[in-house]
Structure formats: structure tokens, C-alpha cells
Amino acid sequence: MSPFKLSLVNTGNDDPDDVVELDDDLVDQLKQTVDADPDLTLEKAFRRGIQHVIDNGPMGRGQSER
């Protein structure tokens, strides 16, 4: 199975779009989490994750990325 691709498209300008590939395991875990909660959508999950990074900044040294 090929990686899941997330594209960030800004239709308001001519900047190149960003494309991020996510591995299958991470996507499967995300989908399971969203499917387990009827109030959580994929859009809400991405928004919460992005907001978490904005609020908490980049990961510090010694912290592993999942």
C-alpha cells in the first residue's frame, strides 16, 4: 500500500503546494481513533493536531517522533 498523502493547498496565491506523506501505520491509527469517536472527524483531528504543534512548539531534544 502506498503512503497516504496530505496536500496543503493555498488557493489564494501562487506559492507551491506542500505535500506530506504519512506512513500506513500512522494513518491506520488515526483512522481507528476517528472511527472510535462519533464526535471526532478527520478534519477535527487534523485541526487539533496542528493546533497542538502551534501551542506547544517543536519537540525538544531527546523526544522521539512517532
PDB file of N, CA and C in Angstrom:
ATOM      1  N   MET A   1       0.841  -1.172   0.000  1.00  0.00           N
ATOM      2  CA  MET A   1       0.000   0.000   0.000  1.00  0.00           C
ATOM      3  C   MET A   1       0.891   1.242   0.000  1.00  0.00           C
ATOM      4  N   SER A   2       0.588   2.191  -0.843  1.00  0.00           N
ATOM      5  CA  SER A   2       1.402   3.402  -0.906  1.00  0.00           C
ATOM      6  C   SER A   2       1.073   4.326   0.250  1.00  0.00           C
ATOM      7  N   PRO A   3       1.985   5.237   0.582  1.00  0.00           N
ATOM      8  CA  PRO A   3       1.750   6.133   1.702  1.00  0.00           C
ATOM      9  C   PRO A   3       0.561   7.053   1.453  1.00  0.00           C
ATOM     10  N   PHE A   4      -0.065   7.470   2.528  1.00  0.00           N
ATOM     11  CA  PHE A   4      -1.151   8.429   2.481  1.00  0.00           C
ATOM     12  C   PHE A   4      -0.514   9.802   2.263  1.00  0.00           C
ATOM     13  N   LYS A   5      -1.055  10.596   1.352  1.00  0.00           N
ATOM     14  CA  LYS A   5      -0.501  11.915   1.069  1.00  0.00           C
ATOM     15  C   LYS A   5      -1.476  12.994   1.503  1.00  0.00           C
ATOM     16  N   LEU A   6      -0.964  13.963   2.214  1.00  0.00           N
ATOM     17  CA  LEU A   6      -1.738  15.105   2.664  1.00  0.00           C
ATOM     18  C   LEU A   6      -1.205  16.317   1.925  1.00  0.00           C
ATOM     19  N   SER A   7      -2.060  16.995   1.189  1.00  0.00           N
ATOM     20  CA  SER A   7      -1.640  18.179   0.430  1.00  0.00           C
ATOM     21  C   SER A   7      -2.190  19.425   1.090  1.00  0.00           C
ATOM     22  N   LEU A   8      -1.335  20.404   1.275  1.00  0.00           N
ATOM     23  CA  LEU A   8      -1.748  21.694   1.801  1.00  0.00           C
ATOM     24  C   LEU A   8      -1.774  22.660   0.633  1.00  0.00           C
ATOM     25  N   VAL A   9      -2.953  23.049   0.230  1.00  0.00           N
ATOM     26  CA  VAL A   9      -3.124  23.873  -0.960  1.00  0.00           C
ATOM     27  C   VAL A   9      -3.634  25.244  -0.550  1.00  0.00           C
ATOM     28  N   ASN A  10      -2.914  26.277  -0.950  1.00  0.00           N
ATOM     29  CA  ASN A  10      -3.342  27.640  -0.690  1.00  0.00           C
ATOM     30  C   ASN A  10      -3.816  28.220  -2.010  1.00  0.00           C
ATOM     31  N   THR A  11      -5.109  28.277  -2.190  1.00  0.00           N
ATOM     32  CA  THR A  11      -5.659  28.735  -3.460  1.00  0.00           C
ATOM     33  C   THR A  11      -5.563  30.248  -3.628  1.00  0.00           C
ATOM     34  N   GLY A  12      -5.157  30.954  -2.579  1.00  0.00           N
ATOM     35  CA  GLY A  12      -5.109  32.410  -2.638  1.00  0.00           C
ATOM     36  C   GLY A  12      -3.811  32.983  -3.177  1.00  0.00           C
ATOM     37  N   ASN A  13      -2.828  32.141  -3.490  1.00  0.00           N
ATOM     38  CA  ASN A  13      -1.565  32.660  -4.012  1.00  0.00           C
ATOM     39  C   ASN A  13      -0.905  31.649  -4.951  1.00  0.00           C
ATOM     40  N   ASP A  14       0.224  32.036  -5.470  1.00  0.00           N
ATOM     41  CA  ASP A  14       0.928  31.176  -6.425  1.00  0.00           C
ATOM     42  C   ASP A  14       2.065  30.380  -5.796  1.00  0.00           C
ATOM     43  N   ASP A  15       2.155  30.371  -4.460  1.00  0.00           N
ATOM     44  CA  ASP A  15       3.201  29.591  -3.799  1.00  0.00           C
ATOM     45  C   ASP A  15       3.009  28.114  -4.115  1.00  0.00           C
ATOM     46  N   PRO A  16       4.097  27.372  -4.202  1.00  0.00           N
ATOM     47  CA  PRO A  16       3.947  25.931  -4.462  1.00  0.00           C
ATOM     48  C   PRO A  16       3.229  25.250  -3.296  1.00  0.00           C
ATOM     49  N   ASP A  17       2.472  24.223  -3.605  1.00  0.00           N
ATOM     50  CA  ASP A  17       1.757  23.475  -2.581  1.00  0.00           C
ATOM     51  C   ASP A  17       2.726  22.564  -1.833  1.00  0.00           C
ATOM     52  N   ASP A  18       2.417  22.278  -0.572  1.00  0.00           N
ATOM     53  CA  ASP A  18       3.205  21.349   0.223  1.00  0.00           C
ATOM     54  C   ASP A  18       2.512  19.997   0.228  1.00  0.00           C
ATOM     55  N   VAL A  19       3.298  18.942   0.073  1.00  0.00           N
ATOM     56  CA  VAL A  19       2.757  17.584   0.117  1.00  0.00           C
ATOM     57  C   VAL A  19       3.540  16.816   1.179  1.00  0.00           C
ATOM     58  N   VAL A  20       2.811  16.174   2.081  1.00  0.00           N
ATOM     59  CA  VAL A  20       3.413  15.410   3.168  1.00  0.00           C
ATOM     60  C   VAL A  20       2.936  13.969   3.042  1.00  0.00           C
ATOM     61  N   GLU A  21       3.848  13.030   3.078  1.00  0.00           N
ATOM     62  CA  GLU A  21       3.484  11.617   3.029  1.00  0.00           C
ATOM     63  C   GLU A  21       3.485  11.061   4.442  1.00  0.00           C
ATOM     64  N   LEU A  22       2.416  10.362   4.792  1.00  0.00           N
ATOM     65  CA  LEU A  22       2.287   9.729   6.102  1.00  0.00           C
ATOM     66  C   LEU A  22       2.346   8.222   5.916  1.00  0.00           C
ATOM     67  N   ASP A  23       3.017   7.533   6.837  1.00  0.00           N
ATOM     68  CA  ASP A  23       3.127   6.088   6.686  1.00  0.00           C
ATOM     69  C   ASP A  23       1.810   5.397   7.032  1.00  0.00           C
ATOM     70  N   ASP A  24       1.644   4.212   6.494  1.00  0.00           N
ATOM     71  CA  ASP A  24       0.392   3.463   6.633  1.00  0.00           C
ATOM     72  C   ASP A  24       0.002   3.243   8.088  1.00  0.00           C
ATOM     73  N   ASP A  25       0.965   2.927   8.942  1.00  0.00           N
ATOM     74  CA  ASP A  25       0.667   2.641  10.345  1.00  0.00           C
ATOM     75  C   ASP A  25       0.084   3.876  11.028  1.00  0.00           C
ATOM     76  N   LEU A  26       0.666   5.032  10.781  1.00  0.00           N
ATOM     77  CA  LEU A  26       0.177   6.267  11.384  1.00  0.00           C
ATOM     78  C   LEU A  26      -1.236   6.584  10.894  1.00  0.00           C
ATOM     79  N   VAL A  27      -1.478   6.412   9.601  1.00  0.00           N
ATOM     80  CA  VAL A  27      -2.807   6.667   9.028  1.00  0.00           C
ATOM     81  C   VAL A  27      -3.823   5.685   9.601  1.00  0.00           C
ATOM     82  N   ASP A  28      -3.453   4.424   9.717  1.00  0.00           N
ATOM     83  CA  ASP A  28      -4.360   3.424  10.291  1.00  0.00           C
ATOM     84  C   ASP A  28      -4.730   3.780  11.731  1.00  0.00           C
ATOM     85  N   GLN A  29      -3.748   4.200  12.520  1.00  0.00           N
ATOM     86  CA  GLN A  29      -4.010   4.588  13.903  1.00  0.00           C
ATOM     87  C   GLN A  29      -4.926   5.807  13.970  1.00  0.00           C
ATOM     88  N   LEU A  30      -4.701   6.767  13.096  1.00  0.00           N
ATOM     89  CA  LEU A  30      -5.549   7.953  13.056  1.00  0.00           C
ATOM     90  C   LEU A  30      -6.985   7.577  12.692  1.00  0.00           C
ATOM     91  N   LYS A  31      -7.140   6.760  11.667  1.00  0.00           N
ATOM     92  CA  LYS A  31      -8.479   6.347  11.243  1.00  0.00           C
ATOM     93  C   LYS A  31      -9.202   5.575  12.352  1.00  0.00           C
ATOM     94  N   GLN A  32      -8.483   4.707  13.058  1.00  0.00           N
ATOM     95  CA  GLN A  32      -9.093   3.955  14.155  1.00  0.00           C
ATOM     96  C   GLN A  32      -9.552   4.902  15.263  1.00  0.00           C
ATOM     97  N   THR A  33      -8.749   5.904  15.561  1.00  0.00           N
ATOM     98  CA  THR A  33      -9.101   6.870  16.591  1.00  0.00           C
ATOM     99  C   THR A  33     -10.339   7.667  16.192  1.00  0.00           C
ATOM    100  N   VAL A  34     -10.383   8.109  14.948  1.00  0.00           N
ATOM    101  CA  VAL A  34     -11.528   8.873  14.452  1.00  0.00           C
ATOM    102  C   VAL A  34     -12.773   7.985  14.419  1.00  0.00           C
ATOM    103  N   ASP A  35     -12.636   6.755  13.950  1.00  0.00           N
ATOM    104  CA  ASP A  35     -13.775   5.844  13.865  1.00  0.00           C
ATOM    105  C   ASP A  35     -14.339   5.490  15.241  1.00  0.00           C
ATOM    106  N   ALA A  36     -13.502   5.509  16.266  1.00  0.00           N
ATOM    107  CA  ALA A  36     -13.929   5.131  17.607  1.00  0.00           C
ATOM    108  C   ALA A  36     -14.714   6.234  18.314  1.00  0.00           C
ATOM    109  N   ASP A  37     -14.681   7.449  17.788  1.00  0.00           N
ATOM    110  CA  ASP A  37     -15.359   8.573  18.433  1.00  0.00           C
ATOM    111  C   ASP A  37     -16.330   9.215  17.453  1.00  0.00           C
ATOM    112  N   PRO A  38     -17.640   9.080  17.695  1.00  0.00           N
ATOM    113  CA  PRO A  38     -18.611   9.614  16.739  1.00  0.00           C
ATOM    114  C   PRO A  38     -18.572  11.139  16.611  1.00  0.00           C
ATOM    115  N   ASP A  39     -17.994  11.831  17.581  1.00  0.00           N
ATOM    116  CA  ASP A  39     -17.916  13.292  17.532  1.00  0.00           C
ATOM    117  C   ASP A  39     -16.631  13.797  16.876  1.00  0.00           C
ATOM    118  N   LEU A  40     -15.714  12.890  16.590  1.00  0.00           N
ATOM    119  CA  LEU A  40     -14.433  13.280  16.015  1.00  0.00           C
ATOM    120  C   LEU A  40     -14.419  12.987  14.520  1.00  0.00           C
ATOM    121  N   THR A  41     -14.104  14.009  13.743  1.00  0.00           N
ATOM    122  CA  THR A  41     -13.957  13.827  12.298  1.00  0.00           C
ATOM    123  C   THR A  41     -12.479  13.905  11.955  1.00  0.00           C
ATOM    124  N   LEU A  42     -12.152  13.481  10.757  1.00  0.00           N
ATOM    125  CA  LEU A  42     -10.772  13.568  10.308  1.00  0.00           C
ATOM    126  C   LEU A  42     -10.325  15.032  10.283  1.00  0.00           C
ATOM    127  N   GLU A  43     -11.213  15.910   9.851  1.00  0.00           N
ATOM    128  CA  GLU A  43     -10.891  17.342   9.837  1.00  0.00           C
ATOM    129  C   GLU A  43     -10.589  17.849  11.240  1.00  0.00           C
ATOM    130  N   LYS A  44     -11.423  17.498  12.223  1.00  0.00           N
ATOM    131  CA  LYS A  44     -11.187  17.937  13.606  1.00  0.00           C
ATOM    132  C   LYS A  44      -9.864  17.385  14.130  1.00  0.00           C
ATOM    133  N   ALA A  45      -9.565  16.134  13.800  1.00  0.00           N
ATOM    134  CA  ALA A  45      -8.323  15.519  14.275  1.00  0.00           C
ATOM    135  C   ALA A  45      -7.109  16.262  13.737  1.00  0.00           C
ATOM    136  N   PHE A  46      -7.122  16.583  12.439  1.00  0.00           N
ATOM    137  CA  PHE A  46      -6.008  17.333  11.867  1.00  0.00           C
ATOM    138  C   PHE A  46      -5.911  18.726  12.480  1.00  0.00           C
ATOM    139  N   ARG A  47      -7.039  19.388  12.652  1.00  0.00           N
ATOM    140  CA  ARG A  47      -7.024  20.730  13.244  1.00  0.00           C
ATOM    141  C   ARG A  47      -6.456  20.694  14.655  1.00  0.00           C
ATOM    142  N   ARG A  48      -6.887  19.705  15.451  1.00  0.00           N
ATOM    143  CA  ARG A  48      -6.389  19.583  16.831  1.00  0.00           C
ATOM    144  C   ARG A  48      -4.888  19.308  16.849  1.00  0.00           C
ATOM    145  N   GLY A  49      -4.438  18.437  15.960  1.00  0.00           N
ATOM    146  CA  GLY A  49      -3.008  18.130  15.910  1.00  0.00           C
ATOM    147  C   GLY A  49      -2.181  19.333  15.513  1.00  0.00           C
ATOM    148  N   ILE A  50      -2.644  20.055  14.510  1.00  0.00           N
ATOM    149  CA  ILE A  50      -1.929  21.257  14.068  1.00  0.00           C
ATOM    150  C   ILE A  50      -1.930  22.301  15.180  1.00  0.00           C
ATOM    151  N   GLN A  51      -3.074  22.487  15.838  1.00  0.00           N
ATOM    152  CA  GLN A  51      -3.146  23.458  16.926  1.00  0.00           C
ATOM    153  C   GLN A  51      -2.224  23.063  18.079  1.00  0.00           C
ATOM    154  N   HIS A  52      -2.115  21.766  18.337  1.00  0.00           N
ATOM    155  CA  HIS A  52      -1.223  21.278  19.400  1.00  0.00           C
ATOM    156  C   HIS A  52       0.226  21.677  19.107  1.00  0.00           C
ATOM    157  N   VAL A  53       0.664  21.522  17.869  1.00  0.00           N
ATOM    158  CA  VAL A  53       2.034  21.895  17.495  1.00  0.00           C
ATOM    159  C   VAL A  53       2.216  23.399  17.625  1.00  0.00           C
ATOM    160  N   ILE A  54       1.233  24.172  17.202  1.00  0.00           N
ATOM    161  CA  ILE A  54       1.311  25.634  17.312  1.00  0.00           C
ATOM    162  C   ILE A  54       1.409  26.042  18.779  1.00  0.00           C
ATOM    163  N   ASP A  55       0.572  25.458  19.627  1.00  0.00           N
ATOM    164  CA  ASP A  55       0.536  25.818  21.048  1.00  0.00           C
ATOM    165  C   ASP A  55       1.785  25.372  21.802  1.00  0.00           C
ATOM    166  N   ASN A  56       2.349  24.225  21.433  1.00  0.00           N
ATOM    167  CA  ASN A  56       3.445  23.633  22.197  1.00  0.00           C
ATOM    168  C   ASN A  56       4.805  23.754  21.533  1.00  0.00           C
ATOM    169  N   GLY A  57       4.841  24.264  20.327  1.00  0.00           N
ATOM    170  CA  GLY A  57       6.108  24.436  19.629  1.00  0.00           C
ATOM    171  C   GLY A  57       6.689  23.119  19.179  1.00  0.00           C
ATOM    172  N   PRO A  58       7.882  23.208  18.601  1.00  0.00           N
ATOM    173  CA  PRO A  58       8.539  21.985  18.125  1.00  0.00           C
ATOM    174  C   PRO A  58       8.947  21.089  19.297  1.00  0.00           C
ATOM    175  N   MET A  59       9.133  19.830  18.980  1.00  0.00           N
ATOM    176  CA  MET A  59       9.539  18.873  20.010  1.00  0.00           C
ATOM    177  C   MET A  59      10.960  19.189  20.459  1.00  0.00           C
ATOM    178  N   GLY A  60      11.206  19.040  21.730  1.00  0.00           N
ATOM    179  CA  GLY A  60      12.525  19.275  22.284  1.00  0.00           C
ATOM    180  C   GLY A  60      13.465  18.126  21.984  1.00  0.00           C
ATOM    181  N   ARG A  61      14.729  18.336  22.213  1.00  0.00           N
ATOM    182  CA  ARG A  61      15.711  17.277  22.010  1.00  0.00           C
ATOM    183  C   ARG A  61      15.432  16.119  22.935  1.00  0.00           C
ATOM    184  N   GLY A  62      15.691  14.946  22.461  1.00  0.00           N
ATOM    185  CA  GLY A  62      15.503  13.752  23.272  1.00  0.00           C
ATOM    186  C   GLY A  62      14.094  13.185  23.187  1.00  0.00           C
ATOM    187  N   GLN A  63      13.171  13.917  22.591  1.00  0.00           N
ATOM    188  CA  GLN A  63      11.815  13.398  22.422  1.00  0.00           C
ATOM    189  C   GLN A  63      11.716  12.769  21.053  1.00  0.00           C
ATOM    190  N   SER A  64      11.207  11.575  21.010  1.00  0.00           N
ATOM    191  CA  SER A  64      11.121  10.880  19.723  1.00  0.00           C
ATOM    192  C   SER A  64       9.836  11.257  19.013  1.00  0.00           C
ATOM    193  N   GLU A  65       9.906  11.198  17.703  1.00  0.00           N
ATOM    194  CA  GLU A  65       8.750  11.468  16.863  1.00  0.00           C
ATOM    195  C   GLU A  65       8.101  10.147  16.530  1.00  0.00           C
ATOM    196  N   ARG A  66       6.771  10.071  16.599  1.00  0.00           N
ATOM    197  CA  ARG A  66       6.045   8.828  16.279  1.00  0.00           C
ATOM    198  C   ARG A  66       5.705   8.789  14.849  1.00  0.00           C
TER     199      ARG A  66
END
